PDB file of all heavy atoms in Angstrom:
ATOM      1  N   GLU A   1     -17.625  -2.029   0.503  1.00  0.00           N
ATOM      2  CA  GLU A   1     -16.802  -2.102   1.713  1.00  0.00           C
ATOM      3  C   GLU A   1     -15.742  -1.016   1.772  1.00  0.00           C
ATOM      4  O   GLU A   1     -15.098  -0.826   2.806  1.00  0.00           O
ATOM      5  CB  GLU A   1     -16.161  -3.480   1.851  1.00  0.00           C
ATOM      6  CG  GLU A   1     -15.202  -3.855   0.749  1.00  0.00           C
ATOM      7  CD  GLU A   1     -15.866  -4.626  -0.377  1.00  0.00           C
ATOM      8  OE1 GLU A   1     -17.057  -4.369  -0.666  1.00  0.00           O
ATOM      9  OE2 GLU A   1     -15.180  -5.490  -0.968  1.00  0.00           O
ATOM     10  N   PHE A   2     -15.551  -0.292   0.674  1.00  0.00           N
ATOM     11  CA  PHE A   2     -14.560   0.789   0.650  1.00  0.00           C
ATOM     12  C   PHE A   2     -15.207   2.161   0.491  1.00  0.00           C
ATOM     13  O   PHE A   2     -14.588   3.094  -0.015  1.00  0.00           O
ATOM     14  CB  PHE A   2     -13.538   0.535  -0.465  1.00  0.00           C
ATOM     15  CG  PHE A   2     -12.709  -0.694  -0.245  1.00  0.00           C
ATOM     16  CD1 PHE A   2     -12.900  -1.826  -1.014  1.00  0.00           C
ATOM     17  CD2 PHE A   2     -11.738  -0.721   0.751  1.00  0.00           C
ATOM     18  CE1 PHE A   2     -12.137  -2.971  -0.813  1.00  0.00           C
ATOM     19  CE2 PHE A   2     -10.970  -1.857   0.966  1.00  0.00           C
ATOM     20  CZ  PHE A   2     -11.173  -2.986   0.184  1.00  0.00           C
ATOM     21  N   ARG A   3     -16.444   2.273   0.934  1.00  0.00           N
ATOM     22  CA  ARG A   3     -17.125   3.564   0.943  1.00  0.00           C
ATOM     23  C   ARG A   3     -17.026   4.190   2.334  1.00  0.00           C
ATOM     24  O   ARG A   3     -17.432   3.591   3.328  1.00  0.00           O
ATOM     25  CB  ARG A   3     -18.590   3.398   0.550  1.00  0.00           C
ATOM     26  CG  ARG A   3     -18.781   3.010  -0.911  1.00  0.00           C
ATOM     27  CD  ARG A   3     -20.214   2.718  -1.254  1.00  0.00           C
ATOM     28  NE  ARG A   3     -20.326   2.241  -2.637  1.00  0.00           N
ATOM     29  CZ  ARG A   3     -21.387   1.614  -3.126  1.00  0.00           C
ATOM     30  NH1 ARG A   3     -22.441   1.371  -2.327  1.00  0.00           N
ATOM     31  NH2 ARG A   3     -21.402   1.228  -4.382  1.00  0.00           N
ATOM     32  N   VAL A   4     -16.465   5.367   2.364  1.00  0.00           N
ATOM     33  CA  VAL A   4     -16.296   6.057   3.645  1.00  0.00           C
ATOM     34  C   VAL A   4     -17.650   6.301   4.302  1.00  0.00           C
ATOM     35  O   VAL A   4     -17.801   6.196   5.529  1.00  0.00           O
ATOM     36  CB  VAL A   4     -15.549   7.397   3.435  1.00  0.00           C
ATOM     37  CG1 VAL A   4     -15.439   8.153   4.751  1.00  0.00           C
ATOM     38  CG2 VAL A   4     -14.169   7.147   2.837  1.00  0.00           C
ATOM     39  N   GLY A   5     -18.642   6.595   3.490  1.00  0.00           N
ATOM     40  CA  GLY A   5     -19.973   6.876   4.022  1.00  0.00           C
ATOM     41  C   GLY A   5     -20.614   5.711   4.735  1.00  0.00           C
ATOM     42  O   GLY A   5     -21.519   5.897   5.558  1.00  0.00           O
ATOM     43  N   SER A   6     -20.145   4.495   4.467  1.00  0.00           N
ATOM     44  CA  SER A   6     -20.708   3.321   5.132  1.00  0.00           C
ATOM     45  C   SER A   6     -20.179   3.152   6.542  1.00  0.00           C
ATOM     46  O   SER A   6     -20.719   2.381   7.333  1.00  0.00           O
ATOM     47  CB  SER A   6     -20.391   2.064   4.319  1.00  0.00           C
ATOM     48  OG  SER A   6     -18.996   1.780   4.365  1.00  0.00           O
ATOM     49  N   GLY A   7     -19.077   3.865   6.841  1.00  0.00           N
ATOM     50  CA  GLY A   7     -18.477   3.759   8.167  1.00  0.00           C
ATOM     51  C   GLY A   7     -17.449   2.656   8.293  1.00  0.00           C
ATOM     52  O   GLY A   7     -16.742   2.567   9.304  1.00  0.00           O
ATOM     53  N   SER A   8     -17.343   1.806   7.278  1.00  0.00           N
ATOM     54  CA  SER A   8     -16.408   0.683   7.352  1.00  0.00           C
ATOM     55  C   SER A   8     -15.033   1.028   6.791  1.00  0.00           C
ATOM     56  O   SER A   8     -14.060   0.311   7.041  1.00  0.00           O
ATOM     57  CB  SER A   8     -16.977  -0.526   6.594  1.00  0.00           C
ATOM     58  OG  SER A   8     -17.178  -0.203   5.229  1.00  0.00           O
ATOM     59  N   TRP A   9     -14.939   2.124   6.043  1.00  0.00           N
ATOM     60  CA  TRP A   9     -13.674   2.516   5.426  1.00  0.00           C
ATOM     61  C   TRP A   9     -13.308   3.910   5.895  1.00  0.00           C
ATOM     62  O   TRP A   9     -14.144   4.820   5.877  1.00  0.00           O
ATOM     63  CB  TRP A   9     -13.795   2.467   3.909  1.00  0.00           C
ATOM     64  CG  TRP A   9     -12.521   2.680   3.153  1.00  0.00           C
ATOM     65  CD1 TRP A   9     -12.276   3.632   2.221  1.00  0.00           C
ATOM     66  CD2 TRP A   9     -11.318   1.916   3.259  1.00  0.00           C
ATOM     67  NE1 TRP A   9     -10.999   3.521   1.724  1.00  0.00           N
ATOM     68  CE2 TRP A   9     -10.380   2.462   2.349  1.00  0.00           C
ATOM     69  CE3 TRP A   9     -10.927   0.822   4.031  1.00  0.00           C
ATOM     70  CZ2 TRP A   9      -9.090   1.965   2.197  1.00  0.00           C
ATOM     71  CZ3 TRP A   9      -9.643   0.320   3.873  1.00  0.00           C
ATOM     72  CH2 TRP A   9      -8.746   0.887   2.977  1.00  0.00           C
ATOM     73  N   THR A  10     -12.067   4.075   6.340  1.00  0.00           N
ATOM     74  CA  THR A  10     -11.662   5.345   6.929  1.00  0.00           C
ATOM     75  C   THR A  10     -10.327   5.813   6.338  1.00  0.00           C
ATOM     76  O   THR A  10      -9.605   5.044   5.704  1.00  0.00           O
ATOM     77  CB  THR A  10     -11.487   5.220   8.450  1.00  0.00           C
ATOM     78  OG1 THR A  10     -10.392   4.319   8.723  1.00  0.00           O
ATOM     79  CG2 THR A  10     -12.751   4.694   9.112  1.00  0.00           C
ATOM     80  N   GLU A  11      -9.998   7.062   6.591  1.00  0.00           N
ATOM     81  CA  GLU A  11      -8.722   7.617   6.169  1.00  0.00           C
ATOM     82  C   GLU A  11      -7.562   6.855   6.816  1.00  0.00           C
ATOM     83  O   GLU A  11      -6.541   6.574   6.157  1.00  0.00           O
ATOM     84  CB  GLU A  11      -8.642   9.098   6.553  1.00  0.00           C
ATOM     85  CG  GLU A  11      -7.345   9.789   6.189  1.00  0.00           C
ATOM     86  CD  GLU A  11      -7.224  10.119   4.712  1.00  0.00           C
ATOM     87  OE1 GLU A  11      -8.260  10.180   4.035  1.00  0.00           O
ATOM     88  OE2 GLU A  11      -6.081  10.312   4.253  1.00  0.00           O
ATOM     89  N   ALA A  12      -7.707   6.507   8.086  1.00  0.00           N
ATOM     90  CA  ALA A  12      -6.640   5.789   8.791  1.00  0.00           C
ATOM     91  C   ALA A  12      -6.396   4.412   8.169  1.00  0.00           C
ATOM     92  O   ALA A  12      -5.240   3.986   8.011  1.00  0.00           O
ATOM     93  CB  ALA A  12      -6.993   5.645  10.264  1.00  0.00           C
ATOM     94  N   LYS A  13      -7.463   3.714   7.819  1.00  0.00           N
ATOM     95  CA  LYS A  13      -7.307   2.401   7.191  1.00  0.00           C
ATOM     96  C   LYS A  13      -6.667   2.537   5.814  1.00  0.00           C
ATOM     97  O   LYS A  13      -5.833   1.716   5.414  1.00  0.00           O
ATOM     98  CB  LYS A  13      -8.659   1.699   7.085  1.00  0.00           C
ATOM     99  CG  LYS A  13      -9.237   1.262   8.424  1.00  0.00           C
ATOM    100  CD  LYS A  13     -10.584   0.582   8.242  1.00  0.00           C
ATOM    101  CE  LYS A  13     -11.160   0.142   9.583  1.00  0.00           C
ATOM    102  NZ  LYS A  13     -12.491  -0.516   9.436  1.00  0.00           N
ATOM    103  N   TYR A  14      -7.050   3.560   5.105  1.00  0.00           N
ATOM    104  CA  TYR A  14      -6.463   3.808   3.785  1.00  0.00           C
ATOM    105  C   TYR A  14      -4.965   4.057   3.910  1.00  0.00           C
ATOM    106  O   TYR A  14      -4.169   3.479   3.155  1.00  0.00           O
ATOM    107  CB  TYR A  14      -7.159   5.002   3.145  1.00  0.00           C
ATOM    108  CG  TYR A  14      -6.522   5.515   1.879  1.00  0.00           C
ATOM    109  CD1 TYR A  14      -6.216   4.660   0.819  1.00  0.00           C
ATOM    110  CD2 TYR A  14      -6.233   6.872   1.728  1.00  0.00           C
ATOM    111  CE1 TYR A  14      -5.635   5.144  -0.346  1.00  0.00           C
ATOM    112  CE2 TYR A  14      -5.656   7.362   0.570  1.00  0.00           C
ATOM    113  CZ  TYR A  14      -5.361   6.490  -0.470  1.00  0.00           C
ATOM    114  OH  TYR A  14      -4.786   6.966  -1.620  1.00  0.00           O
ATOM    115  N   ARG A  15      -4.556   4.873   4.868  1.00  0.00           N
ATOM    116  CA  ARG A  15      -3.124   5.145   5.064  1.00  0.00           C
ATOM    117  C   ARG A  15      -2.367   3.881   5.444  1.00  0.00           C
ATOM    118  O   ARG A  15      -1.229   3.662   5.024  1.00  0.00           O
ATOM    119  CB  ARG A  15      -2.937   6.210   6.148  1.00  0.00           C
ATOM    120  CG  ARG A  15      -3.530   7.557   5.804  1.00  0.00           C
ATOM    121  CD  ARG A  15      -2.817   8.195   4.647  1.00  0.00           C
ATOM    122  NE  ARG A  15      -3.575   9.304   4.081  1.00  0.00           N
ATOM    123  CZ  ARG A  15      -3.244   9.953   2.979  1.00  0.00           C
ATOM    124  NH1 ARG A  15      -2.157   9.595   2.313  1.00  0.00           N
ATOM    125  NH2 ARG A  15      -3.992  10.931   2.524  1.00  0.00           N
ATOM    126  N   LYS A  16      -3.017   3.041   6.241  1.00  0.00           N
ATOM    127  CA  LYS A  16      -2.375   1.787   6.624  1.00  0.00           C
ATOM    128  C   LYS A  16      -2.175   0.901   5.409  1.00  0.00           C
ATOM    129  O   LYS A  16      -1.134   0.251   5.259  1.00  0.00           O
ATOM    130  CB  LYS A  16      -3.209   1.072   7.690  1.00  0.00           C
ATOM    131  CG  LYS A  16      -2.560  -0.204   8.217  1.00  0.00           C
ATOM    132  CD  LYS A  16      -3.356  -0.810   9.365  1.00  0.00           C
ATOM    133  CE  LYS A  16      -2.648  -2.051   9.917  1.00  0.00           C
ATOM    134  NZ  LYS A  16      -3.407  -2.641  11.053  1.00  0.00           N
ATOM    135  N   ARG A  17      -3.168   0.872   4.529  1.00  0.00           N
ATOM    136  CA  ARG A  17      -3.044   0.059   3.323  1.00  0.00           C
ATOM    137  C   ARG A  17      -1.926   0.570   2.422  1.00  0.00           C
ATOM    138  O   ARG A  17      -1.201  -0.214   1.806  1.00  0.00           O
ATOM    139  CB  ARG A  17      -4.364   0.040   2.546  1.00  0.00           C
ATOM    140  CG  ARG A  17      -5.441  -0.814   3.192  1.00  0.00           C
ATOM    141  CD  ARG A  17      -6.288  -1.501   2.148  1.00  0.00           C
ATOM    142  NE  ARG A  17      -5.548  -2.498   1.384  1.00  0.00           N
ATOM    143  CZ  ARG A  17      -6.035  -3.149   0.337  1.00  0.00           C
ATOM    144  NH1 ARG A  17      -7.270  -2.883  -0.081  1.00  0.00           N
ATOM    145  NH2 ARG A  17      -5.324  -4.044  -0.292  1.00  0.00           N
ATOM    146  N   LEU A  18      -1.777   1.872   2.323  1.00  0.00           N
ATOM    147  CA  LEU A  18      -0.683   2.434   1.534  1.00  0.00           C
ATOM    148  C   LEU A  18       0.665   1.994   2.102  1.00  0.00           C
ATOM    149  O   LEU A  18       1.561   1.565   1.359  1.00  0.00           O
ATOM    150  CB  LEU A  18      -0.764   3.961   1.506  1.00  0.00           C
ATOM    151  CG  LEU A  18      -1.962   4.584   0.783  1.00  0.00           C
ATOM    152  CD1 LEU A  18      -1.939   6.101   0.951  1.00  0.00           C
ATOM    153  CD2 LEU A  18      -1.961   4.216  -0.699  1.00  0.00           C
ATOM    154  N   ASP A  19       0.794   2.097   3.417  1.00  0.00           N
ATOM    155  CA  ASP A  19       2.044   1.690   4.066  1.00  0.00           C
ATOM    156  C   ASP A  19       2.298   0.191   3.903  1.00  0.00           C
ATOM    157  O   ASP A  19       3.436  -0.242   3.663  1.00  0.00           O
ATOM    158  CB  ASP A  19       2.019   2.054   5.551  1.00  0.00           C
ATOM    159  CG  ASP A  19       2.091   3.560   5.790  1.00  0.00           C
ATOM    160  OD1 ASP A  19       2.544   4.287   4.887  1.00  0.00           O
ATOM    161  OD2 ASP A  19       1.687   3.998   6.881  1.00  0.00           O
ATOM    162  N   ASN A  20       1.236  -0.605   4.046  1.00  0.00           N
ATOM    163  CA  ASN A  20       1.391  -2.057   3.904  1.00  0.00           C
ATOM    164  C   ASN A  20       1.773  -2.447   2.481  1.00  0.00           C
ATOM    165  O   ASN A  20       2.538  -3.396   2.262  1.00  0.00           O
ATOM    166  CB  ASN A  20       0.098  -2.770   4.310  1.00  0.00           C
ATOM    167  CG  ASN A  20      -0.073  -2.849   5.818  1.00  0.00           C
ATOM    168  OD1 ASN A  20       0.700  -2.239   6.562  1.00  0.00           O
ATOM    169  ND2 ASN A  20      -1.077  -3.567   6.272  1.00  0.00           N
ATOM    170  N   THR A  21       1.237  -1.711   1.507  1.00  0.00           N
ATOM    171  CA  THR A  21       1.592  -1.973   0.114  1.00  0.00           C
ATOM    172  C   THR A  21       3.081  -1.744  -0.101  1.00  0.00           C
ATOM    173  O   THR A  21       3.780  -2.569  -0.713  1.00  0.00           O
ATOM    174  CB  THR A  21       0.777  -1.074  -0.831  1.00  0.00           C
ATOM    175  OG1 THR A  21      -0.616  -1.390  -0.700  1.00  0.00           O
ATOM    176  CG2 THR A  21       1.207  -1.261  -2.280  1.00  0.00           C
ATOM    177  N   ALA A  22       3.583  -0.638   0.393  1.00  0.00           N
ATOM    178  CA  ALA A  22       5.015  -0.334   0.263  1.00  0.00           C
ATOM    179  C   ALA A  22       5.867  -1.357   0.999  1.00  0.00           C
ATOM    180  O   ALA A  22       6.926  -1.773   0.507  1.00  0.00           O
ATOM    181  CB  ALA A  22       5.292   1.074   0.785  1.00  0.00           C
ATOM    182  N   LYS A  23       5.412  -1.794   2.174  1.00  0.00           N
ATOM    183  CA  LYS A  23       6.155  -2.784   2.954  1.00  0.00           C
ATOM    184  C   LYS A  23       6.253  -4.098   2.184  1.00  0.00           C
ATOM    185  O   LYS A  23       7.317  -4.736   2.146  1.00  0.00           O
ATOM    186  CB  LYS A  23       5.472  -3.006   4.302  1.00  0.00           C
ATOM    187  CG  LYS A  23       6.196  -3.991   5.220  1.00  0.00           C
ATOM    188  CD  LYS A  23       5.445  -4.144   6.541  1.00  0.00           C
ATOM    189  CE  LYS A  23       6.140  -5.158   7.447  1.00  0.00           C
ATOM    190  NZ  LYS A  23       5.392  -5.359   8.720  1.00  0.00           N
ATOM    191  N   ALA A  24       5.153  -4.512   1.557  1.00  0.00           N
ATOM    192  CA  ALA A  24       5.143  -5.750   0.782  1.00  0.00           C
ATOM    193  C   ALA A  24       6.091  -5.656  -0.409  1.00  0.00           C
ATOM    194  O   ALA A  24       6.857  -6.580  -0.687  1.00  0.00           O
ATOM    195  CB  ALA A  24       3.722  -6.061   0.316  1.00  0.00           C
ATOM    196  N   VAL A  25       6.052  -4.535  -1.112  1.00  0.00           N
ATOM    197  CA  VAL A  25       6.911  -4.348  -2.276  1.00  0.00           C
ATOM    198  C   VAL A  25       8.379  -4.355  -1.872  1.00  0.00           C
ATOM    199  O   VAL A  25       9.220  -5.016  -2.490  1.00  0.00           O
ATOM    200  CB  VAL A  25       6.561  -3.035  -3.004  1.00  0.00           C
ATOM    201  CG1 VAL A  25       7.612  -2.688  -4.053  1.00  0.00           C
ATOM    202  CG2 VAL A  25       5.184  -3.137  -3.658  1.00  0.00           C
ATOM    203  N   ARG A  26       8.698  -3.641  -0.801  1.00  0.00           N
ATOM    204  CA  ARG A  26      10.103  -3.537  -0.386  1.00  0.00           C
ATOM    205  C   ARG A  26      10.649  -4.848   0.161  1.00  0.00           C
ATOM    206  O   ARG A  26      11.873  -5.034   0.230  1.00  0.00           O
ATOM    207  CB  ARG A  26      10.274  -2.405   0.624  1.00  0.00           C
ATOM    208  CG  ARG A  26      10.284  -1.029  -0.031  1.00  0.00           C
ATOM    209  CD  ARG A  26      10.823   0.024   0.896  1.00  0.00           C
ATOM    210  NE  ARG A  26       9.833   0.466   1.845  1.00  0.00           N
ATOM    211  CZ  ARG A  26       9.069   1.555   1.685  1.00  0.00           C
ATOM    212  NH1 ARG A  26       9.199   2.297   0.597  1.00  0.00           N
ATOM    213  NH2 ARG A  26       8.201   1.902   2.599  1.00  0.00           N
ATOM    214  N   SER A  27       9.766  -5.783   0.532  1.00  0.00           N
ATOM    215  CA  SER A  27      10.250  -7.079   1.005  1.00  0.00           C
ATOM    216  C   SER A  27      10.974  -7.850  -0.097  1.00  0.00           C
ATOM    217  O   SER A  27      11.735  -8.776   0.188  1.00  0.00           O
ATOM    218  CB  SER A  27       9.080  -7.915   1.534  1.00  0.00           C
ATOM    219  OG  SER A  27       8.277  -8.423   0.473  1.00  0.00           O
ATOM    220  N   LEU A  28      10.747  -7.458  -1.351  1.00  0.00           N
ATOM    221  CA  LEU A  28      11.383  -8.118  -2.480  1.00  0.00           C
ATOM    222  C   LEU A  28      12.760  -7.555  -2.809  1.00  0.00           C
ATOM    223  O   LEU A  28      13.530  -8.169  -3.544  1.00  0.00           O
ATOM    224  CB  LEU A  28      10.508  -7.962  -3.728  1.00  0.00           C
ATOM    225  CG  LEU A  28       9.198  -8.763  -3.781  1.00  0.00           C
ATOM    226  CD1 LEU A  28       8.286  -8.176  -4.847  1.00  0.00           C
ATOM    227  CD2 LEU A  28       9.492 -10.218  -4.079  1.00  0.00           C
ATOM    228  N   LEU A  29      13.074  -6.375  -2.277  1.00  0.00           N
ATOM    229  CA  LEU A  29      14.286  -5.667  -2.665  1.00  0.00           C
ATOM    230  C   LEU A  29      15.441  -6.050  -1.760  1.00  0.00           C
ATOM    231  O   LEU A  29      15.404  -5.825  -0.556  1.00  0.00           O
ATOM    232  CB  LEU A  29      14.039  -4.157  -2.616  1.00  0.00           C
ATOM    233  CG  LEU A  29      12.830  -3.671  -3.438  1.00  0.00           C
ATOM    234  CD1 LEU A  29      12.634  -2.179  -3.250  1.00  0.00           C
ATOM    235  CD2 LEU A  29      13.010  -4.006  -4.910  1.00  0.00           C
ATOM    236  N   GLN A  30      16.477  -6.612  -2.343  1.00  0.00           N
ATOM    237  CA  GLN A  30      17.612  -7.084  -1.573  1.00  0.00           C
ATOM    238  C   GLN A  30      18.620  -5.986  -1.267  1.00  0.00           C
ATOM    239  O   GLN A  30      19.453  -6.128  -0.385  1.00  0.00           O
ATOM    240  CB  GLN A  30      18.317  -8.217  -2.340  1.00  0.00           C
ATOM    241  CG  GLN A  30      17.412  -9.387  -2.674  1.00  0.00           C
ATOM    242  CD  GLN A  30      16.836 -10.056  -1.441  1.00  0.00           C
ATOM    243  OE1 GLN A  30      17.529 -10.250  -0.444  1.00  0.00           O
ATOM    244  NE2 GLN A  30      15.566 -10.413  -1.503  1.00  0.00           N
ATOM    245  N   ASP A  31      18.551  -4.880  -2.016  1.00  0.00           N
ATOM    246  CA  ASP A  31      19.548  -3.822  -1.845  1.00  0.00           C
ATOM    247  C   ASP A  31      19.116  -2.731  -0.881  1.00  0.00           C
ATOM    248  O   ASP A  31      19.812  -1.741  -0.705  1.00  0.00           O
ATOM    249  CB  ASP A  31      19.896  -3.203  -3.201  1.00  0.00           C
ATOM    250  CG  ASP A  31      18.667  -2.622  -3.911  1.00  0.00           C
ATOM    251  OD1 ASP A  31      17.566  -2.679  -3.318  1.00  0.00           O
ATOM    252  OD2 ASP A  31      18.808  -2.122  -5.036  1.00  0.00           O
ATOM    253  N   GLY A  32      17.954  -2.895  -0.251  1.00  0.00           N
ATOM    254  CA  GLY A  32      17.487  -1.908   0.703  1.00  0.00           C
ATOM    255  C   GLY A  32      17.000  -0.617   0.082  1.00  0.00           C
ATOM    256  O   GLY A  32      16.817   0.384   0.788  1.00  0.00           O
ATOM    257  N   SER A  33      16.749  -0.612  -1.227  1.00  0.00           N
ATOM    258  CA  SER A  33      16.287   0.602  -1.890  1.00  0.00           C
ATOM    259  C   SER A  33      14.841   0.890  -1.519  1.00  0.00           C
ATOM    260  O   SER A  33      14.112   0.030  -1.029  1.00  0.00           O
ATOM    261  CB  SER A  33      16.431   0.468  -3.408  1.00  0.00           C
ATOM    262  OG  SER A  33      15.672  -0.615  -3.901  1.00  0.00           O
ATOM    263  N   ALA A  34      14.431   2.125  -1.781  1.00  0.00           N
ATOM    264  CA  ALA A  34      13.102   2.573  -1.369  1.00  0.00           C
ATOM    265  C   ALA A  34      11.994   2.041  -2.264  1.00  0.00           C
ATOM    266  O   ALA A  34      10.819   2.089  -1.904  1.00  0.00           O
ATOM    267  CB  ALA A  34      13.054   4.100  -1.354  1.00  0.00           C
ATOM    268  N   GLY A  35      12.359   1.513  -3.412  1.00  0.00           N
ATOM    269  CA  GLY A  35      11.369   0.985  -4.333  1.00  0.00           C
ATOM    270  C   GLY A  35      12.030   0.475  -5.591  1.00  0.00           C
ATOM    271  O   GLY A  35      13.170   0.821  -5.893  1.00  0.00           O
ATOM    272  N   PRO A  36      11.345  -0.368  -6.372  1.00  0.00           N
ATOM    273  CA  PRO A  36      11.910  -0.850  -7.633  1.00  0.00           C
ATOM    274  C   PRO A  36      11.971   0.288  -8.645  1.00  0.00           C
ATOM    275  O   PRO A  36      11.336   1.329  -8.470  1.00  0.00           O
ATOM    276  CB  PRO A  36      10.926  -1.935  -8.059  1.00  0.00           C
ATOM    277  CG  PRO A  36       9.612  -1.477  -7.478  1.00  0.00           C
ATOM    278  CD  PRO A  36       9.967  -0.856  -6.156  1.00  0.00           C
ATOM    279  N   ASP A  37      12.696   0.079  -9.726  1.00  0.00           N
ATOM    280  CA  ASP A  37      12.777   1.109 -10.759  1.00  0.00           C
ATOM    281  C   ASP A  37      11.429   1.330 -11.428  1.00  0.00           C
ATOM    282  O   ASP A  37      11.060   2.458 -11.743  1.00  0.00           O
ATOM    283  CB  ASP A  37      13.822   0.711 -11.814  1.00  0.00           C
ATOM    284  CG  ASP A  37      15.223   0.687 -11.235  1.00  0.00           C
ATOM    285  OD1 ASP A  37      15.656   1.719 -10.689  1.00  0.00           O
ATOM    286  OD2 ASP A  37      15.874  -0.366 -11.311  1.00  0.00           O
ATOM    287  N   ILE A  38      10.695   0.249 -11.650  1.00  0.00           N
ATOM    288  CA  ILE A  38       9.360   0.322 -12.232  1.00  0.00           C
ATOM    289  C   ILE A  38       8.420  -0.495 -11.354  1.00  0.00           C
ATOM    290  O   ILE A  38       8.692  -1.658 -11.062  1.00  0.00           O
ATOM    291  CB  ILE A  38       9.337  -0.214 -13.673  1.00  0.00           C
ATOM    292  CG1 ILE A  38      10.287   0.598 -14.567  1.00  0.00           C
ATOM    293  CG2 ILE A  38       7.929  -0.173 -14.252  1.00  0.00           C
ATOM    294  CD1 ILE A  38      10.419   0.050 -15.978  1.00  0.00           C
ATOM    295  N   LEU A  39       7.338   0.115 -10.936  1.00  0.00           N
ATOM    296  CA  LEU A  39       6.356  -0.544 -10.072  1.00  0.00           C
ATOM    297  C   LEU A  39       5.020  -0.603 -10.802  1.00  0.00           C
ATOM    298  O   LEU A  39       4.427   0.430 -11.113  1.00  0.00           O
ATOM    299  CB  LEU A  39       6.200   0.213  -8.751  1.00  0.00           C
ATOM    300  CG  LEU A  39       5.127  -0.294  -7.780  1.00  0.00           C
ATOM    301  CD1 LEU A  39       5.362  -1.762  -7.405  1.00  0.00           C
ATOM    302  CD2 LEU A  39       5.093   0.581  -6.520  1.00  0.00           C
ATOM    303  N   CYS A  40       4.556  -1.816 -11.089  1.00  0.00           N
ATOM    304  CA  CYS A  40       3.308  -2.042 -11.814  1.00  0.00           C
ATOM    305  C   CYS A  40       2.251  -2.546 -10.839  1.00  0.00           C
ATOM    306  O   CYS A  40       2.442  -3.587 -10.207  1.00  0.00           O
ATOM    307  CB  CYS A  40       3.519  -3.051 -12.938  1.00  0.00           C
ATOM    308  SG  CYS A  40       4.719  -2.516 -14.183  1.00  0.00           S
ATOM    309  N   LEU A  41       1.167  -1.802 -10.732  1.00  0.00           N
ATOM    310  CA  LEU A  41       0.132  -2.118  -9.749  1.00  0.00           C
ATOM    311  C   LEU A  41      -1.184  -2.472 -10.431  1.00  0.00           C
ATOM    312  O   LEU A  41      -1.637  -1.770 -11.335  1.00  0.00           O
ATOM    313  CB  LEU A  41      -0.089  -0.927  -8.810  1.00  0.00           C
ATOM    314  CG  LEU A  41       1.121  -0.486  -7.989  1.00  0.00           C
ATOM    315  CD1 LEU A  41       0.789   0.765  -7.193  1.00  0.00           C
ATOM    316  CD2 LEU A  41       1.591  -1.600  -7.058  1.00  0.00           C
ATOM    317  N   VAL A  42      -1.784  -3.551  -9.979  1.00  0.00           N
ATOM    318  CA  VAL A  42      -3.087  -3.992 -10.451  1.00  0.00           C
ATOM    319  C   VAL A  42      -4.100  -3.814  -9.325  1.00  0.00           C
ATOM    320  O   VAL A  42      -3.798  -4.084  -8.167  1.00  0.00           O
ATOM    321  CB  VAL A  42      -3.027  -5.472 -10.888  1.00  0.00           C
ATOM    322  CG1 VAL A  42      -4.411  -5.981 -11.286  1.00  0.00           C
ATOM    323  CG2 VAL A  42      -2.053  -5.646 -12.037  1.00  0.00           C
ATOM    324  N   GLU A  43      -5.292  -3.348  -9.663  1.00  0.00           N
ATOM    325  CA  GLU A  43      -6.391  -3.120  -8.721  1.00  0.00           C
ATOM    326  C   GLU A  43      -6.172  -1.906  -7.823  1.00  0.00           C
ATOM    327  O   GLU A  43      -6.570  -1.903  -6.654  1.00  0.00           O
ATOM    328  CB  GLU A  43      -6.692  -4.373  -7.891  1.00  0.00           C
ATOM    329  CG  GLU A  43      -7.257  -5.515  -8.726  1.00  0.00           C
ATOM    330  CD  GLU A  43      -7.908  -6.621  -7.898  1.00  0.00           C
ATOM    331  OE1 GLU A  43      -8.105  -6.417  -6.676  1.00  0.00           O
ATOM    332  OE2 GLU A  43      -8.227  -7.667  -8.484  1.00  0.00           O
TER     333      GLU A  43
END
């Protein structure tokens, strides 16, 4: 489902996922910082 050649995965969707990941992470930060000091990502 994440193969560009299949037509179901695109650059635009990938960029959206990157932005959504950052949005989710920053929802935890109470000080309004751009990111935690250490960010551990799985998958």
